[in-house]
Amino acid sequence: MQAIIEQQPTNSRIGSFNSSELINPHHYNRQIDPEFVGCRQQLLSNLISLSTALDQQHWDIAETLLQRFCKHLTNYLTLGHQRVGVLEHPDTHLHIAIASTTRIAMCFSDCYSRGTGRLDQVRPALEQLALALETRFELEDDLQVQTLVA
């Protein structure tokens, strides 16, 4: 089971995420909080592992990875919320857009962390979440740039 969890194909894609770029620490602005970058990377690593397990129809492993992913998703959202909360004058539109991605992510986490979502329906929900996360990452990076300029 551990071997499956550790496998992360370099050509795996969820939405427009390319795993070889996402888990590369040089892909991110070095001035971003290292805890936040680590949390984002862990989330993406879990997303890729979960996607791989689903693709290979390893349902018992996928179930375990789904629980782990939901836990890291909640941690990531909490840490991101704390980062936005400390800004003195966050851009209102940026803040609203980030809140929108939070709602999508929390709906996913609520559904699948409590076991109310069916495992055979995870793939479409995961793809929708991946698109929301892609948007969120771009917004957070924009927020980071605004913070550095201010």
Protein backbone atom coordinates (compact mmCIF):
# COMPACT_ATOMS: atom_id res chain seq x y z
CA MET A 1 0.00 0.00 0.00
CA GLN A 2 2.82 2.45 0.86
CA ALA A 3 4.36 1.95 -2.59
CA ILE A 4 1.12 3.06 -4.27
CA ILE A 5 0.86 6.09 -2.00
CA GLU A 6 4.42 7.14 -2.79
CA GLN A 7 4.01 6.75 -6.56
CA GLN A 8 3.50 10.10 -8.22
CA PRO A 9 3.74 9.94 -12.00
CA THR A 10 5.48 12.97 -13.47
CA ASN A 11 2.90 13.28 -16.23
CA SER A 12 -0.14 13.17 -13.95
CA ARG A 13 -2.55 16.08 -14.45
CA ILE A 14 -5.58 17.18 -12.46
CA GLY A 15 -7.26 20.13 -14.11
CA SER A 16 -4.27 22.08 -15.41
CA PHE A 17 -1.96 21.07 -12.57
CA ASN A 18 1.25 19.44 -13.67
CA SER A 19 2.67 17.39 -10.80
CA SER A 20 6.27 17.96 -11.83
CA GLU A 21 5.77 21.72 -11.40
CA LEU A 22 3.51 21.66 -8.37
CA ILE A 23 5.76 19.81 -5.97
CA ASN A 24 8.89 21.66 -7.07
CA PRO A 25 9.77 24.16 -4.32
CA HIS A 26 11.45 26.47 -6.87
CA HIS A 27 8.07 26.96 -8.57
CA TYR A 28 6.94 29.27 -5.75
CA ASN A 29 8.02 32.75 -4.80
CA ARG A 30 10.77 32.30 -2.20
CA GLN A 31 9.46 35.19 -0.14
CA ILE A 32 6.19 33.39 0.65
CA ASP A 33 5.87 32.03 4.16
CA PRO A 34 7.69 28.64 4.15
CA GLU A 35 4.98 27.05 6.33
CA PHE A 36 2.36 28.08 3.79
CA VAL A 37 4.42 26.81 0.86
CA GLY A 38 4.96 23.50 2.65
CA CYS A 39 1.26 23.21 3.38
CA ARG A 40 0.42 23.91 -0.28
CA GLN A 41 2.95 21.37 -1.48
CA GLN A 42 1.63 18.72 0.92
CA LEU A 43 -1.90 19.38 -0.29
CA LEU A 44 -0.85 18.99 -3.91
CA SER A 45 1.14 15.87 -3.17
CA ASN A 46 -1.93 14.35 -1.50
CA LEU A 47 -4.11 15.43 -4.44
CA ILE A 48 -1.82 13.69 -6.90
CA SER A 49 -1.58 10.53 -4.79
CA LEU A 50 -5.36 10.41 -4.44
CA SER A 51 -5.84 10.92 -8.17
CA THR A 52 -3.39 8.11 -8.92
CA ALA A 53 -5.15 5.72 -6.54
CA LEU A 54 -8.51 6.56 -8.12
CA ASP A 55 -7.12 6.09 -11.64
CA GLN A 56 -5.70 2.69 -10.66
CA GLN A 57 -8.97 1.77 -8.89
CA HIS A 58 -7.24 1.05 -5.59
CA TRP A 59 -10.39 1.87 -3.62
CA ASP A 60 -9.13 1.04 -0.13
CA ILE A 61 -6.03 3.16 -0.65
CA ALA A 62 -8.11 5.92 -2.25
CA GLU A 63 -10.38 5.97 0.81
CA THR A 64 -7.39 6.46 3.13
CA LEU A 65 -5.86 9.09 0.85
CA LEU A 66 -9.18 10.90 0.58
CA GLN A 67 -9.35 11.27 4.36
CA ARG A 68 -5.74 12.50 4.43
CA PHE A 69 -6.41 14.91 1.58
CA CYS A 70 -9.48 16.38 3.31
CA LYS A 71 -7.46 16.92 6.49
CA HIS A 72 -4.69 18.73 4.61
CA LEU A 73 -7.25 20.71 2.63
CA THR A 74 -8.78 22.03 5.84
CA ASN A 75 -5.31 22.85 7.23
CA TYR A 76 -4.42 24.67 4.03
CA LEU A 77 -7.63 26.70 4.03
CA THR A 78 -7.14 27.63 7.68
CA LEU A 79 -3.58 28.76 7.13
CA GLY A 80 -4.59 30.74 4.02
CA HIS A 81 -7.41 32.42 5.96
CA GLN A 82 -4.94 33.43 8.65
CA ARG A 83 -2.59 34.91 6.02
CA VAL A 84 -5.38 37.03 4.49
CA GLY A 85 -6.60 38.08 7.95
CA VAL A 86 -3.30 39.71 8.88
CA LEU A 87 -3.29 42.05 5.89
CA GLU A 88 -4.11 45.64 6.71
CA HIS A 89 -5.87 46.48 3.43
CA PRO A 90 -6.63 43.37 1.39
CA ASP A 91 -8.07 43.95 -2.07
CA THR A 92 -11.83 43.43 -1.66
CA HIS A 93 -12.27 41.64 -4.99
CA LEU A 94 -9.36 39.35 -4.24
CA HIS A 95 -10.75 38.58 -0.81
CA ILE A 96 -14.21 37.77 -2.23
CA ALA A 97 -12.71 35.52 -4.92
CA ILE A 98 -10.63 33.63 -2.34
CA ALA A 99 -13.74 33.21 -0.16
CA SER A 100 -15.53 31.68 -3.14
CA THR A 101 -12.81 29.05 -3.57
CA THR A 102 -12.98 28.39 0.17
CA ARG A 103 -16.68 27.54 -0.08
CA ILE A 104 -16.04 25.04 -2.89
CA ALA A 105 -13.19 23.42 -0.98
CA MET A 106 -15.13 23.22 2.29
CA CYS A 107 -18.13 21.65 0.52
CA PHE A 108 -15.81 18.98 -0.87
CA SER A 109 -14.16 18.41 2.50
CA ASP A 110 -17.48 18.28 4.35
CA CYS A 111 -18.88 15.76 1.91
CA TYR A 112 -15.92 13.41 1.75
CA SER A 113 -14.29 13.73 5.17
CA ARG A 114 -17.52 12.67 6.88
CA GLY A 115 -18.01 9.74 4.55
CA THR A 116 -21.26 11.09 3.10
CA GLY A 117 -19.86 11.24 -0.44
CA ARG A 118 -19.55 8.10 -2.52
CA LEU A 119 -16.06 7.09 -3.54
CA ASP A 120 -17.17 6.37 -7.10
CA GLN A 121 -18.23 10.03 -7.39
CA VAL A 122 -14.99 11.52 -6.09
CA ARG A 123 -13.35 12.00 -9.51
CA PRO A 124 -15.73 14.71 -10.88
CA ALA A 125 -15.82 16.48 -7.50
CA LEU A 126 -12.03 16.31 -7.29
CA GLU A 127 -11.67 17.80 -10.76
CA GLN A 128 -14.00 20.68 -9.84
CA LEU A 129 -12.00 21.21 -6.65
CA ALA A 130 -8.72 21.17 -8.59
CA LEU A 131 -9.98 24.00 -10.78
CA ALA A 132 -11.01 25.99 -7.70
CA LEU A 133 -7.61 25.36 -6.12
CA GLU A 134 -5.85 26.49 -9.28
CA THR A 135 -7.80 29.75 -9.12
CA ARG A 136 -7.10 30.08 -5.41
CA PHE A 137 -3.35 29.57 -5.92
CA GLU A 138 -3.29 32.31 -8.54
CA LEU A 139 -5.24 34.64 -6.24
CA GLU A 140 -2.95 33.88 -3.32
CA ASP A 141 0.09 34.53 -5.50
CA ASP A 142 -1.47 37.85 -6.59
CA LEU A 143 -2.10 38.67 -2.94
CA GLN A 144 1.52 37.85 -2.16
CA VAL A 145 2.70 40.24 -4.88
CA GLN A 146 0.44 43.00 -3.51
CA THR A 147 1.81 42.40 -0.03
CA LEU A 148 5.41 42.64 -1.25
CA VAL A 149 4.67 45.86 -3.18
CA ALA A 150 2.85 47.50 -0.26
